[in-house]
Amino acid sequence: MNFFADECVYPSTVTVLRSWHHNVETAQDAGLLGREDPILLAHAVQQGRILVTNDLDFGDIRHYPPSHHCGVIVLRIRPKTMDKVHAMLQRLLEAMTQEEMQSALAIVEAMKYRVRRG
């Protein structure tokens, strides 16, 4: 899958995604550090990438309706839960394709994930 990692995503998450053979562009790679959320999402859409973020604001479908993007994965992750959230993220990515993530919002937590489609 093709991902765009917001600057708030832990470097270890980017490393894990790449180790699973996913294509990951970071906000730093794109020269978008410090940019506002709508700009980051617009870049992900323009590039046809699924946005991966720790920013819970992207979970608000009133501001970021799933029908307007290529997919958003919000990680409810903290250093203490990192391994569990990564394991749950792996389960999500094994269950869905890039196409199935289109127009979907996925919230990934330590013990579960949930997906809402646009």
PDB file of N, CA and C in Angstrom:
ATOM      1  N   MET A   1       0.838  -1.183   0.000  1.00  0.00           N
ATOM      2  CA  MET A   1       0.000   0.000   0.000  1.00  0.00           C
ATOM      3  C   MET A   1       0.881   1.243   0.000  1.00  0.00           C
ATOM      4  N   ASN A   2       0.296   2.339  -0.394  1.00  0.00           N
ATOM      5  CA  ASN A   2       0.990   3.619  -0.432  1.00  0.00           C
ATOM      6  C   ASN A   2       0.447   4.522   0.673  1.00  0.00           C
ATOM      7  N   PHE A   3       1.355   4.979   1.535  1.00  0.00           N
ATOM      8  CA  PHE A   3       0.970   5.783   2.690  1.00  0.00           C
ATOM      9  C   PHE A   3       1.672   7.131   2.676  1.00  0.00           C
ATOM     10  N   PHE A   4       1.012   8.090   3.298  1.00  0.00           N
ATOM     11  CA  PHE A   4       1.624   9.381   3.606  1.00  0.00           C
ATOM     12  C   PHE A   4       1.562   9.528   5.118  1.00  0.00           C
ATOM     13  N   ALA A   5       2.706   9.603   5.766  1.00  0.00           N
ATOM     14  CA  ALA A   5       2.783   9.682   7.224  1.00  0.00           C
ATOM     15  C   ALA A   5       2.893  11.134   7.672  1.00  0.00           C
ATOM     16  N   ASP A   6       1.901  11.556   8.424  1.00  0.00           N
ATOM     17  CA  ASP A   6       1.886  12.876   9.051  1.00  0.00           C
ATOM     18  C   ASP A   6       3.127  13.005   9.945  1.00  0.00           C
ATOM     19  N   GLU A   7       3.539  14.227  10.216  1.00  0.00           N
ATOM     20  CA  GLU A   7       4.748  14.433  11.019  1.00  0.00           C
ATOM     21  C   GLU A   7       4.617  13.933  12.452  1.00  0.00           C
ATOM     22  N   CYS A   8       3.404  13.740  12.931  1.00  0.00           N
ATOM     23  CA  CYS A   8       3.219  13.268  14.302  1.00  0.00           C
ATOM     24  C   CYS A   8       3.336  11.745  14.421  1.00  0.00           C
ATOM     25  N   VAL A   9       3.464  11.056  13.312  1.00  0.00           N
ATOM     26  CA  VAL A   9       3.623   9.598  13.343  1.00  0.00           C
ATOM     27  C   VAL A   9       5.025   9.279  13.847  1.00  0.00           C
ATOM     28  N   TYR A  10       5.101   8.353  14.787  1.00  0.00           N
ATOM     29  CA  TYR A  10       6.391   7.965  15.341  1.00  0.00           C
ATOM     30  C   TYR A  10       7.281   7.365  14.248  1.00  0.00           C
ATOM     31  N   PRO A  11       8.574   7.692  14.262  1.00  0.00           N
ATOM     32  CA  PRO A  11       9.491   7.095  13.279  1.00  0.00           C
ATOM     33  C   PRO A  11       9.453   5.567  13.293  1.00  0.00           C
ATOM     34  N   SER A  12       9.230   4.979  14.458  1.00  0.00           N
ATOM     35  CA  SER A  12       9.167   3.512  14.524  1.00  0.00           C
ATOM     36  C   SER A  12       7.978   2.975  13.732  1.00  0.00           C
ATOM     37  N   THR A  13       6.883   3.723  13.664  1.00  0.00           N
ATOM     38  CA  THR A  13       5.730   3.298  12.868  1.00  0.00           C
ATOM     39  C   THR A  13       6.081   3.327  11.389  1.00  0.00           C
ATOM     40  N   VAL A  14       6.769   4.363  10.955  1.00  0.00           N
ATOM     41  CA  VAL A  14       7.210   4.442   9.559  1.00  0.00           C
ATOM     42  C   VAL A  14       8.133   3.263   9.253  1.00  0.00           C
ATOM     43  N   THR A  15       9.057   2.970  10.146  1.00  0.00           N
ATOM     44  CA  THR A  15       9.986   1.851   9.962  1.00  0.00           C
ATOM     45  C   THR A  15       9.230   0.530   9.861  1.00  0.00           C
ATOM     46  N   VAL A  16       8.243   0.342  10.734  1.00  0.00           N
ATOM     47  CA  VAL A  16       7.452  -0.891  10.713  1.00  0.00           C
ATOM     48  C   VAL A  16       6.697  -1.014   9.396  1.00  0.00           C
ATOM     49  N   LEU A  17       6.039   0.051   8.958  1.00  0.00           N
ATOM     50  CA  LEU A  17       5.306  -0.003   7.694  1.00  0.00           C
ATOM     51  C   LEU A  17       6.234  -0.352   6.533  1.00  0.00           C
ATOM     52  N   ARG A  18       7.400   0.249   6.516  1.00  0.00           N
ATOM     53  CA  ARG A  18       8.362  -0.046   5.443  1.00  0.00           C
ATOM     54  C   ARG A  18       8.866  -1.484   5.541  1.00  0.00           C
ATOM     55  N   SER A  19       9.035  -1.990   6.759  1.00  0.00           N
ATOM     56  CA  SER A  19       9.490  -3.377   6.922  1.00  0.00           C
ATOM     57  C   SER A  19       8.433  -4.370   6.424  1.00  0.00           C
ATOM     58  N   TRP A  20       7.166  -3.941   6.396  1.00  0.00           N
ATOM     59  CA  TRP A  20       6.084  -4.758   5.851  1.00  0.00           C
ATOM     60  C   TRP A  20       5.944  -4.545   4.341  1.00  0.00           C
ATOM     61  N   HIS A  21       6.909  -3.849   3.746  1.00  0.00           N
ATOM     62  CA  HIS A  21       6.996  -3.629   2.297  1.00  0.00           C
ATOM     63  C   HIS A  21       5.940  -2.668   1.751  1.00  0.00           C
ATOM     64  N   HIS A  22       5.543  -1.697   2.582  1.00  0.00           N
ATOM     65  CA  HIS A  22       4.646  -0.649   2.112  1.00  0.00           C
ATOM     66  C   HIS A  22       5.481   0.553   1.681  1.00  0.00           C
ATOM     67  N   ASN A  23       4.934   1.326   0.767  1.00  0.00           N
ATOM     68  CA  ASN A  23       5.582   2.542   0.297  1.00  0.00           C
ATOM     69  C   ASN A  23       5.113   3.686   1.197  1.00  0.00           C
ATOM     70  N   VAL A  24       6.039   4.309   1.915  1.00  0.00           N
ATOM     71  CA  VAL A  24       5.681   5.359   2.868  1.00  0.00           C
ATOM     72  C   VAL A  24       6.441   6.637   2.539  1.00  0.00           C
ATOM     73  N   GLU A  25       5.686   7.688   2.276  1.00  0.00           N
ATOM     74  CA  GLU A  25       6.250   9.027   2.150  1.00  0.00           C
ATOM     75  C   GLU A  25       5.919   9.756   3.449  1.00  0.00           C
ATOM     76  N   THR A  26       6.877  10.445   4.015  1.00  0.00           N
ATOM     77  CA  THR A  26       6.635  11.196   5.248  1.00  0.00           C
ATOM     78  C   THR A  26       6.433  12.673   4.930  1.00  0.00           C
ATOM     79  N   ALA A  27       5.871  13.388   5.881  1.00  0.00           N
ATOM     80  CA  ALA A  27       5.708  14.841   5.725  1.00  0.00           C
ATOM     81  C   ALA A  27       7.065  15.489   5.508  1.00  0.00           C
ATOM     82  N   GLN A  28       8.081  14.969   6.174  1.00  0.00           N
ATOM     83  CA  GLN A  28       9.430  15.503   5.989  1.00  0.00           C
ATOM     84  C   GLN A  28       9.913  15.249   4.562  1.00  0.00           C
ATOM     85  N   ASP A  29       9.707  14.029   4.044  1.00  0.00           N
ATOM     86  CA  ASP A  29      10.098  13.713   2.660  1.00  0.00           C
ATOM     87  C   ASP A  29       9.463  14.699   1.676  1.00  0.00           C
ATOM     88  N   ALA A  30       8.209  15.057   1.946  1.00  0.00           N
ATOM     89  CA  ALA A  30       7.443  15.918   1.035  1.00  0.00           C
ATOM     90  C   ALA A  30       7.693  17.411   1.270  1.00  0.00           C
ATOM     91  N   GLY A  31       8.511  17.743   2.273  1.00  0.00           N
ATOM     92  CA  GLY A  31       8.760  19.152   2.585  1.00  0.00           C
ATOM     93  C   GLY A  31       7.555  19.838   3.199  1.00  0.00           C
ATOM     94  N   LEU A  32       6.744  19.078   3.946  1.00  0.00           N
ATOM     95  CA  LEU A  32       5.506  19.631   4.491  1.00  0.00           C
ATOM     96  C   LEU A  32       5.487  19.690   6.020  1.00  0.00           C
ATOM     97  N   LEU A  33       6.636  19.688   6.644  1.00  0.00           N
ATOM     98  CA  LEU A  33       6.669  19.790   8.102  1.00  0.00           C
ATOM     99  C   LEU A  33       6.037  21.096   8.553  1.00  0.00           C
ATOM    100  N   GLY A  34       5.197  21.015   9.573  1.00  0.00           N
ATOM    101  CA  GLY A  34       4.577  22.204  10.140  1.00  0.00           C
ATOM    102  C   GLY A  34       3.378  22.731   9.370  1.00  0.00           C
ATOM    103  N   ARG A  35       3.001  22.052   8.307  1.00  0.00           N
ATOM    104  CA  ARG A  35       1.854  22.516   7.515  1.00  0.00           C
ATOM    105  C   ARG A  35       0.546  22.126   8.188  1.00  0.00           C
ATOM    106  N   GLU A  36      -0.509  22.828   7.857  1.00  0.00           N
ATOM    107  CA  GLU A  36      -1.818  22.587   8.453  1.00  0.00           C
ATOM    108  C   GLU A  36      -2.425  21.286   7.934  1.00  0.00           C
ATOM    109  N   ASP A  37      -3.319  20.721   8.744  1.00  0.00           N
ATOM    110  CA  ASP A  37      -3.937  19.435   8.431  1.00  0.00           C
ATOM    111  C   ASP A  37      -4.572  19.376   7.039  1.00  0.00           C
ATOM    112  N   PRO A  38      -5.354  20.371   6.621  1.00  0.00           N
ATOM    113  CA  PRO A  38      -5.959  20.287   5.278  1.00  0.00           C
ATOM    114  C   PRO A  38      -4.921  20.193   4.157  1.00  0.00           C
ATOM    115  N   ILE A  39      -3.787  20.835   4.343  1.00  0.00           N
ATOM    116  CA  ILE A  39      -2.725  20.773   3.325  1.00  0.00           C
ATOM    117  C   ILE A  39      -2.132  19.373   3.277  1.00  0.00           C
ATOM    118  N   LEU A  40      -1.929  18.769   4.457  1.00  0.00           N
ATOM    119  CA  LEU A  40      -1.381  17.414   4.511  1.00  0.00           C
ATOM    120  C   LEU A  40      -2.331  16.418   3.844  1.00  0.00           C
ATOM    121  N   LEU A  41      -3.615  16.533   4.154  1.00  0.00           N
ATOM    122  CA  LEU A  41      -4.582  15.620   3.559  1.00  0.00           C
ATOM    123  C   LEU A  41      -4.680  15.838   2.045  1.00  0.00           C
ATOM    124  N   ALA A  42      -4.651  17.084   1.622  1.00  0.00           N
ATOM    125  CA  ALA A  42      -4.703  17.376   0.182  1.00  0.00           C
ATOM    126  C   ALA A  42      -3.510  16.755  -0.538  1.00  0.00           C
ATOM    127  N   HIS A  43      -2.342  16.799   0.087  1.00  0.00           N
ATOM    128  CA  HIS A  43      -1.160  16.180  -0.514  1.00  0.00           C
ATOM    129  C   HIS A  43      -1.355  14.669  -0.633  1.00  0.00           C
ATOM    130  N   ALA A  44      -1.855  14.040   0.427  1.00  0.00           N
ATOM    131  CA  ALA A  44      -2.093  12.591   0.388  1.00  0.00           C
ATOM    132  C   ALA A  44      -3.062  12.243  -0.739  1.00  0.00           C
ATOM    133  N   VAL A  45      -4.127  13.016  -0.866  1.00  0.00           N
ATOM    134  CA  VAL A  45      -5.115  12.773  -1.918  1.00  0.00           C
ATOM    135  C   VAL A  45      -4.476  12.945  -3.288  1.00  0.00           C
ATOM    136  N   GLN A  46      -3.733  14.020  -3.455  1.00  0.00           N
ATOM    137  CA  GLN A  46      -3.081  14.305  -4.740  1.00  0.00           C
ATOM    138  C   GLN A  46      -2.135  13.180  -5.142  1.00  0.00           C
ATOM    139  N   GLN A  47      -1.482  12.575  -4.156  1.00  0.00           N
ATOM    140  CA  GLN A  47      -0.528  11.503  -4.416  1.00  0.00           C
ATOM    141  C   GLN A  47      -1.184  10.120  -4.425  1.00  0.00           C
ATOM    142  N   GLY A  48      -2.477  10.051  -4.114  1.00  0.00           N
ATOM    143  CA  GLY A  48      -3.174   8.769  -4.079  1.00  0.00           C
ATOM    144  C   GLY A  48      -2.730   7.888  -2.928  1.00  0.00           C
ATOM    145  N   ARG A  49      -2.397   8.534  -1.806  1.00  0.00           N
ATOM    146  CA  ARG A  49      -1.882   7.808  -0.638  1.00  0.00           C
ATOM    147  C   ARG A  49      -2.883   7.834   0.512  1.00  0.00           C
ATOM    148  N   ILE A  50      -2.802   6.803   1.325  1.00  0.00           N
ATOM    149  CA  ILE A  50      -3.577   6.721   2.554  1.00  0.00           C
ATOM    150  C   ILE A  50      -2.822   7.522   3.611  1.00  0.00           C
ATOM    151  N   LEU A  51      -3.500   8.445   4.264  1.00  0.00           N
ATOM    152  CA  LEU A  51      -2.880   9.234   5.325  1.00  0.00           C
ATOM    153  C   LEU A  51      -2.823   8.404   6.604  1.00  0.00           C
ATOM    154  N   VAL A  52      -1.650   8.334   7.212  1.00  0.00           N
ATOM    155  CA  VAL A  52      -1.468   7.699   8.519  1.00  0.00           C
ATOM    156  C   VAL A  52      -1.089   8.806   9.491  1.00  0.00           C
ATOM    157  N   THR A  53      -1.778   8.861  10.616  1.00  0.00           N
ATOM    158  CA  THR A  53      -1.565   9.948  11.559  1.00  0.00           C
ATOM    159  C   THR A  53      -1.867   9.510  12.984  1.00  0.00           C
ATOM    160  N   ASN A  54      -1.301  10.230  13.926  1.00  0.00           N
ATOM    161  CA  ASN A  54      -1.663  10.090  15.343  1.00  0.00           C
ATOM    162  C   ASN A  54      -2.602  11.220  15.753  1.00  0.00           C
ATOM    163  N   ASP A  55      -2.885  12.119  14.846  1.00  0.00           N
ATOM    164  CA  ASP A  55      -3.700  13.306  15.099  1.00  0.00           C
ATOM    165  C   ASP A  55      -5.183  12.926  15.107  1.00  0.00           C
ATOM    166  N   LEU A  56      -5.779  12.943  16.278  1.00  0.00           N
ATOM    167  CA  LEU A  56      -7.177  12.535  16.421  1.00  0.00           C
ATOM    168  C   LEU A  56      -8.146  13.451  15.681  1.00  0.00           C
ATOM    169  N   ASP A  57      -7.713  14.665  15.329  1.00  0.00           N
ATOM    170  CA  ASP A  57      -8.578  15.579  14.578  1.00  0.00           C
ATOM    171  C   ASP A  57      -9.042  14.960  13.257  1.00  0.00           C
ATOM    172  N   PHE A  58      -8.198  14.124  12.649  1.00  0.00           N
ATOM    173  CA  PHE A  58      -8.561  13.506  11.372  1.00  0.00           C
ATOM    174  C   PHE A  58      -9.678  12.481  11.529  1.00  0.00           C
ATOM    175  N   GLY A  59     -10.007  12.108  12.761  1.00  0.00           N
ATOM    176  CA  GLY A  59     -11.110  11.196  13.019  1.00  0.00           C
ATOM    177  C   GLY A  59     -12.464  11.872  13.001  1.00  0.00           C
ATOM    178  N   ASP A  60     -12.496  13.194  12.870  1.00  0.00           N
ATOM    179  CA  ASP A  60     -13.748  13.951  12.839  1.00  0.00           C
ATOM    180  C   ASP A  60     -14.276  13.975  11.405  1.00  0.00           C
ATOM    181  N   ILE A  61     -15.270  13.141  11.126  1.00  0.00           N
ATOM    182  CA  ILE A  61     -15.766  13.030   9.751  1.00  0.00           C
ATOM    183  C   ILE A  61     -16.529  14.258   9.277  1.00  0.00           C
ATOM    184  N   ARG A  62     -16.888  15.144  10.205  1.00  0.00           N
ATOM    185  CA  ARG A  62     -17.535  16.392   9.778  1.00  0.00           C
ATOM    186  C   ARG A  62     -16.529  17.299   9.081  1.00  0.00           C
ATOM    187  N   HIS A  63     -15.283  17.261   9.526  1.00  0.00           N
ATOM    188  CA  HIS A  63     -14.232  18.082   8.914  1.00  0.00           C
ATOM    189  C   HIS A  63     -13.491  17.341   7.809  1.00  0.00           C
ATOM    190  N   TYR A  64     -13.397  16.019   7.946  1.00  0.00           N
ATOM    191  CA  TYR A  64     -12.655  15.207   6.981  1.00  0.00           C
ATOM    192  C   TYR A  64     -13.518  14.011   6.558  1.00  0.00           C
ATOM    193  N   PRO A  65     -14.564  14.263   5.762  1.00  0.00           N
ATOM    194  CA  PRO A  65     -15.458  13.176   5.365  1.00  0.00           C
ATOM    195  C   PRO A  65     -14.704  12.103   4.570  1.00  0.00           C
ATOM    196  N   PRO A  66     -14.917  10.833   4.892  1.00  0.00           N
ATOM    197  CA  PRO A  66     -14.218   9.758   4.187  1.00  0.00           C
ATOM    198  C   PRO A  66     -14.395   9.790   2.675  1.00  0.00           C
ATOM    199  N   SER A  67     -15.508  10.293   2.199  1.00  0.00           N
ATOM    200  CA  SER A  67     -15.740  10.336   0.745  1.00  0.00           C
ATOM    201  C   SER A  67     -14.808  11.311   0.025  1.00  0.00           C
ATOM    202  N   HIS A  68     -14.055  12.113   0.775  1.00  0.00           N
ATOM    203  CA  HIS A  68     -13.191  13.129   0.166  1.00  0.00           C
ATOM    204  C   HIS A  68     -11.701  12.786   0.215  1.00  0.00           C
ATOM    205  N   HIS A  69     -11.352  11.551   0.528  1.00  0.00           N
ATOM    206  CA  HIS A  69      -9.926  11.206   0.577  1.00  0.00           C
ATOM    207  C   HIS A  69      -9.681   9.764   0.164  1.00  0.00           C
ATOM    208  N   CYS A  70      -8.420   9.390   0.123  1.00  0.00           N
ATOM    209  CA  CYS A  70      -7.999   8.049  -0.307  1.00  0.00           C
ATOM    210  C   CYS A  70      -7.882   7.086   0.864  1.00  0.00           C
ATOM    211  N   GLY A  71      -8.332   7.523   2.017  1.00  0.00           N
ATOM    212  CA  GLY A  71      -8.249   6.714   3.222  1.00  0.00           C
ATOM    213  C   GLY A  71      -7.423   7.420   4.282  1.00  0.00           C
ATOM    214  N   VAL A  72      -7.871   7.300   5.521  1.00  0.00           N
ATOM    215  CA  VAL A  72      -7.150   7.859   6.662  1.00  0.00           C
ATOM    216  C   VAL A  72      -7.095   6.779   7.736  1.00  0.00           C
ATOM    217  N   ILE A  73      -5.908   6.578   8.279  1.00  0.00           N
ATOM    218  CA  ILE A  73      -5.729   5.688   9.422  1.00  0.00           C
ATOM    219  C   ILE A  73      -5.253   6.537  10.586  1.00  0.00           C
ATOM    220  N   VAL A  74      -6.065   6.585  11.632  1.00  0.00           N
ATOM    221  CA  VAL A  74      -5.719   7.321  12.842  1.00  0.00           C
ATOM    222  C   VAL A  74      -5.248   6.301  13.877  1.00  0.00           C
ATOM    223  N   LEU A  75      -4.017   6.474  14.324  1.00  0.00           N
ATOM    224  CA  LEU A  75      -3.441   5.580  15.325  1.00  0.00           C
ATOM    225  C   LEU A  75      -3.601   6.199  16.703  1.00  0.00           C
ATOM    226  N   ARG A  76      -4.341   5.535  17.557  1.00  0.00           N
ATOM    227  CA  ARG A  76      -4.450   5.966  18.965  1.00  0.00           C
ATOM    228  C   ARG A  76      -3.313   5.268  19.687  1.00  0.00           C
ATOM    229  N   ILE A  77      -2.154   5.899  19.607  1.00  0.00           N
ATOM    230  CA  ILE A  77      -0.919   5.244  20.021  1.00  0.00           C
ATOM    231  C   ILE A  77      -0.144   6.124  20.988  1.00  0.00           C
ATOM    232  N   ARG A  78       0.459   5.505  21.945  1.00  0.00           N
ATOM    233  CA  ARG A  78       1.365   6.151  22.887  1.00  0.00           C
ATOM    234  C   ARG A  78       2.562   5.219  23.041  1.00  0.00           C
ATOM    235  N   PRO A  79       3.684   5.718  23.521  1.00  0.00           N
ATOM    236  CA  PRO A  79       4.851   4.822  23.648  1.00  0.00           C
ATOM    237  C   PRO A  79       4.550   3.511  24.385  1.00  0.00           C
ATOM    238  N   LYS A  80       3.692   3.552  25.385  1.00  0.00           N
ATOM    239  CA  LYS A  80       3.378   2.341  26.151  1.00  0.00           C
ATOM    240  C   LYS A  80       2.552   1.334  25.349  1.00  0.00           C
ATOM    241  N   THR A  81       1.818   1.805  24.352  1.00  0.00           N
ATOM    242  CA  THR A  81       0.945   0.907  23.582  1.00  0.00           C
ATOM    243  C   THR A  81       1.460   0.642  22.169  1.00  0.00           C
ATOM    244  N   MET A  82       2.651   1.096  21.852  1.00  0.00           N
ATOM    245  CA  MET A  82       3.164   1.057  20.485  1.00  0.00           C
ATOM    246  C   MET A  82       3.119  -0.344  19.868  1.00  0.00           C
ATOM    247  N   ASP A  83       3.639  -1.342  20.571  1.00  0.00           N
ATOM    248  CA  ASP A  83       3.682  -2.691  20.005  1.00  0.00           C
ATOM    249  C   ASP A  83       2.280  -3.238  19.755  1.00  0.00           C
ATOM    250  N   LYS A  84       1.366  -2.983  20.669  1.00  0.00           N
ATOM    251  CA  LYS A  84      -0.008  -3.472  20.507  1.00  0.00           C
ATOM    252  C   LYS A  84      -0.711  -2.769  19.351  1.00  0.00           C
ATOM    253  N   VAL A  85      -0.516  -1.467  19.235  1.00  0.00           N
ATOM    254  CA  VAL A  85      -1.151  -0.728  18.137  1.00  0.00           C
ATOM    255  C   VAL A  85      -0.557  -1.167  16.803  1.00  0.00           C
ATOM    256  N   HIS A  86       0.747  -1.389  16.753  1.00  0.00           N
ATOM    257  CA  HIS A  86       1.364  -1.865  15.513  1.00  0.00           C
ATOM    258  C   HIS A  86       0.815  -3.242  15.131  1.00  0.00           C
ATOM    259  N   ALA A  87       0.619  -4.112  16.116  1.00  0.00           N
ATOM    260  CA  ALA A  87       0.053  -5.437  15.837  1.00  0.00           C
ATOM    261  C   ALA A  87      -1.369  -5.314  15.286  1.00  0.00           C
ATOM    262  N   MET A  88      -2.155  -4.413  15.858  1.00  0.00           N
ATOM    263  CA  MET A  88      -3.520  -4.212  15.380  1.00  0.00           C
ATOM    264  C   MET A  88      -3.511  -3.561  13.994  1.00  0.00           C
ATOM    265  N   LEU A  89      -2.577  -2.653  13.745  1.00  0.00           N
ATOM    266  CA  LEU A  89      -2.434  -2.044  12.426  1.00  0.00           C
ATOM    267  C   LEU A  89      -2.122  -3.125  11.394  1.00  0.00           C
ATOM    268  N   GLN A  90      -1.263  -4.043  11.748  1.00  0.00           N
ATOM    269  CA  GLN A  90      -0.930  -5.128  10.831  1.00  0.00           C
ATOM    270  C   GLN A  90      -2.172  -5.956  10.507  1.00  0.00           C
ATOM    271  N   ARG A  91      -3.000  -6.223  11.494  1.00  0.00           N
ATOM    272  CA  ARG A  91      -4.246  -6.967  11.251  1.00  0.00           C
ATOM    273  C   ARG A  91      -5.157  -6.208  10.288  1.00  0.00           C
ATOM    274  N   LEU A  92      -5.266  -4.893  10.473  1.00  0.00           N
ATOM    275  CA  LEU A  92      -6.073  -4.071   9.569  1.00  0.00           C
ATOM    276  C   LEU A  92      -5.550  -4.168   8.143  1.00  0.00           C
ATOM    277  N   LEU A  93      -4.242  -4.003   7.982  1.00  0.00           N
ATOM    278  CA  LEU A  93      -3.652  -3.985   6.643  1.00  0.00           C
ATOM    279  C   LEU A  93      -3.714  -5.347   5.968  1.00  0.00           C
ATOM    280  N   GLU A  94      -3.755  -6.403   6.750  1.00  0.00           N
ATOM    281  CA  GLU A  94      -3.930  -7.739   6.180  1.00  0.00           C
ATOM    282  C   GLU A  94      -5.372  -7.967   5.748  1.00  0.00           C
ATOM    283  N   ALA A  95      -6.307  -7.260   6.358  1.00  0.00           N
ATOM    284  CA  ALA A  95      -7.731  -7.457   6.078  1.00  0.00           C
ATOM    285  C   ALA A  95      -8.245  -6.579   4.940  1.00  0.00           C
ATOM    286  N   MET A  96      -7.515  -5.496   4.615  1.00  0.00           N
ATOM    287  CA  MET A  96      -8.018  -4.539   3.620  1.00  0.00           C
ATOM    288  C   MET A  96      -6.973  -4.274   2.545  1.00  0.00           C
ATOM    289  N   THR A  97      -7.453  -3.974   1.357  1.00  0.00           N
ATOM    290  CA  THR A  97      -6.575  -3.582   0.262  1.00  0.00           C
ATOM    291  C   THR A  97      -6.536  -2.053   0.164  1.00  0.00           C
ATOM    292  N   GLN A  98      -5.650  -1.552  -0.665  1.00  0.00           N
ATOM    293  CA  GLN A  98      -5.576  -0.111  -0.921  1.00  0.00           C
ATOM    294  C   GLN A  98      -6.933   0.388  -1.432  1.00  0.00           C
ATOM    295  N   GLU A  99      -7.555  -0.372  -2.319  1.00  0.00           N
ATOM    296  CA  GLU A  99      -8.845   0.024  -2.881  1.00  0.00           C
ATOM    297  C   GLU A  99      -9.936   0.042  -1.808  1.00  0.00           C
ATOM    298  N   GLU A 100      -9.899  -0.916  -0.907  1.00  0.00           N
ATOM    299  CA  GLU A 100     -10.903  -0.963   0.155  1.00  0.00           C
ATOM    300  C   GLU A 100     -10.721   0.177   1.164  1.00  0.00           C
ATOM    301  N   MET A 101      -9.504   0.687   1.273  1.00  0.00           N
ATOM    302  CA  MET A 101      -9.243   1.816   2.167  1.00  0.00           C
ATOM    303  C   MET A 101      -9.723   3.132   1.563  1.00  0.00           C
ATOM    304  N   GLN A 102      -9.927   3.140   0.238  1.00  0.00           N
ATOM    305  CA  GLN A 102     -10.426   4.350  -0.432  1.00  0.00           C
ATOM    306  C   GLN A 102     -11.710   4.807   0.243  1.00  0.00           C
ATOM    307  N   SER A 103     -11.774   6.061   0.607  1.00  0.00           N
ATOM    308  CA  SER A 103     -12.962   6.645   1.254  1.00  0.00           C
ATOM    309  C   SER A 103     -13.317   5.956   2.568  1.00  0.00           C
ATOM    310  N   ALA A 104     -12.300   5.554   3.311  1.00  0.00           N
ATOM    311  CA  ALA A 104     -12.530   4.912   4.610  1.00  0.00           C
ATOM    312  C   ALA A 104     -11.715   5.622   5.687  1.00  0.00           C
ATOM    313  N   LEU A 105     -12.259   5.625   6.873  1.00  0.00           N
ATOM    314  CA  LEU A 105     -11.559   6.109   8.061  1.00  0.00           C
ATOM    315  C   LEU A 105     -11.376   4.909   8.970  1.00  0.00           C
ATOM    316  N   ALA A 106     -10.133   4.630   9.331  1.00  0.00           N
ATOM    317  CA  ALA A 106      -9.844   3.533  10.254  1.00  0.00           C
ATOM    318  C   ALA A 106      -9.216   4.113  11.515  1.00  0.00           C
ATOM    319  N   ILE A 107      -9.769   3.734  12.643  1.00  0.00           N
ATOM    320  CA  ILE A 107      -9.218   4.119  13.941  1.00  0.00           C
ATOM    321  C   ILE A 107      -8.587   2.855  14.521  1.00  0.00           C
ATOM    322  N   VAL A 108      -7.295   2.908  14.798  1.00  0.00           N
ATOM    323  CA  VAL A 108      -6.568   1.741  15.294  1.00  0.00           C
ATOM    324  C   VAL A 108      -6.144   1.997  16.732  1.00  0.00           C
ATOM    325  N   GLU A 109      -6.557   1.090  17.605  1.00  0.00           N
ATOM    326  CA  GLU A 109      -6.210   1.170  19.023  1.00  0.00           C
ATOM    327  C   GLU A 109      -5.441  -0.089  19.412  1.00  0.00           C
ATOM    328  N   ALA A 110      -5.075  -0.196  20.678  1.00  0.00           N
ATOM    329  CA  ALA A 110      -4.269  -1.317  21.135  1.00  0.00           C
ATOM    330  C   ALA A 110      -5.018  -2.648  21.069  1.00  0.00           C
ATOM    331  N   MET A 111      -6.331  -2.636  21.267  1.00  0.00           N
ATOM    332  CA  MET A 111      -7.078  -3.886  21.350  1.00  0.00           C
ATOM    333  C   MET A 111      -8.071  -4.096  20.211  1.00  0.00           C
ATOM    334  N   LYS A 112      -8.237  -3.074  19.339  1.00  0.00           N
ATOM    335  CA  LYS A 112      -9.209  -3.211  18.260  1.00  0.00           C
ATOM    336  C   LYS A 112      -8.959  -2.145  17.195  1.00  0.00           C
ATOM    337  N   TYR A 113      -9.608  -2.337  16.059  1.00  0.00           N
ATOM    338  CA  TYR A 113      -9.692  -1.283  15.070  1.00  0.00           C
ATOM    339  C   TYR A 113     -11.129  -1.234  14.579  1.00  0.00           C
ATOM    340  N   ARG A 114     -11.508  -0.065  14.089  1.00  0.00           N
ATOM    341  CA  ARG A 114     -12.840   0.076  13.501  1.00  0.00           C
ATOM    342  C   ARG A 114     -12.705   0.909  12.222  1.00  0.00           C
ATOM    343  N   VAL A 115     -13.552   0.595  11.269  1.00  0.00           N
ATOM    344  CA  VAL A 115     -13.489   1.241   9.960  1.00  0.00           C
ATOM    345  C   VAL A 115     -14.848   1.845   9.649  1.00  0.00           C
ATOM    346  N   ARG A 116     -14.820   3.071   9.196  1.00  0.00           N
ATOM    347  CA  ARG A 116     -16.033   3.759   8.756  1.00  0.00           C
ATOM    348  C   ARG A 116     -15.826   4.161   7.300  1.00  0.00           C
ATOM    349  N   ARG A 117     -16.777   3.837   6.483  1.00  0.00           N
ATOM    350  CA  ARG A 117     -16.679   4.142   5.050  1.00  0.00           C
ATOM    351  C   ARG A 117     -17.516   5.368   4.718  1.00  0.00           C
ATOM    352  N   GLY A 118     -17.054   6.072   3.677  1.00  0.00           N
ATOM    353  CA  GLY A 118     -17.723   7.306   3.257  1.00  0.00           C
ATOM    354  C   GLY A 118     -18.915   7.103   2.399  1.00  0.00           C
TER     355      GLY A 118
END
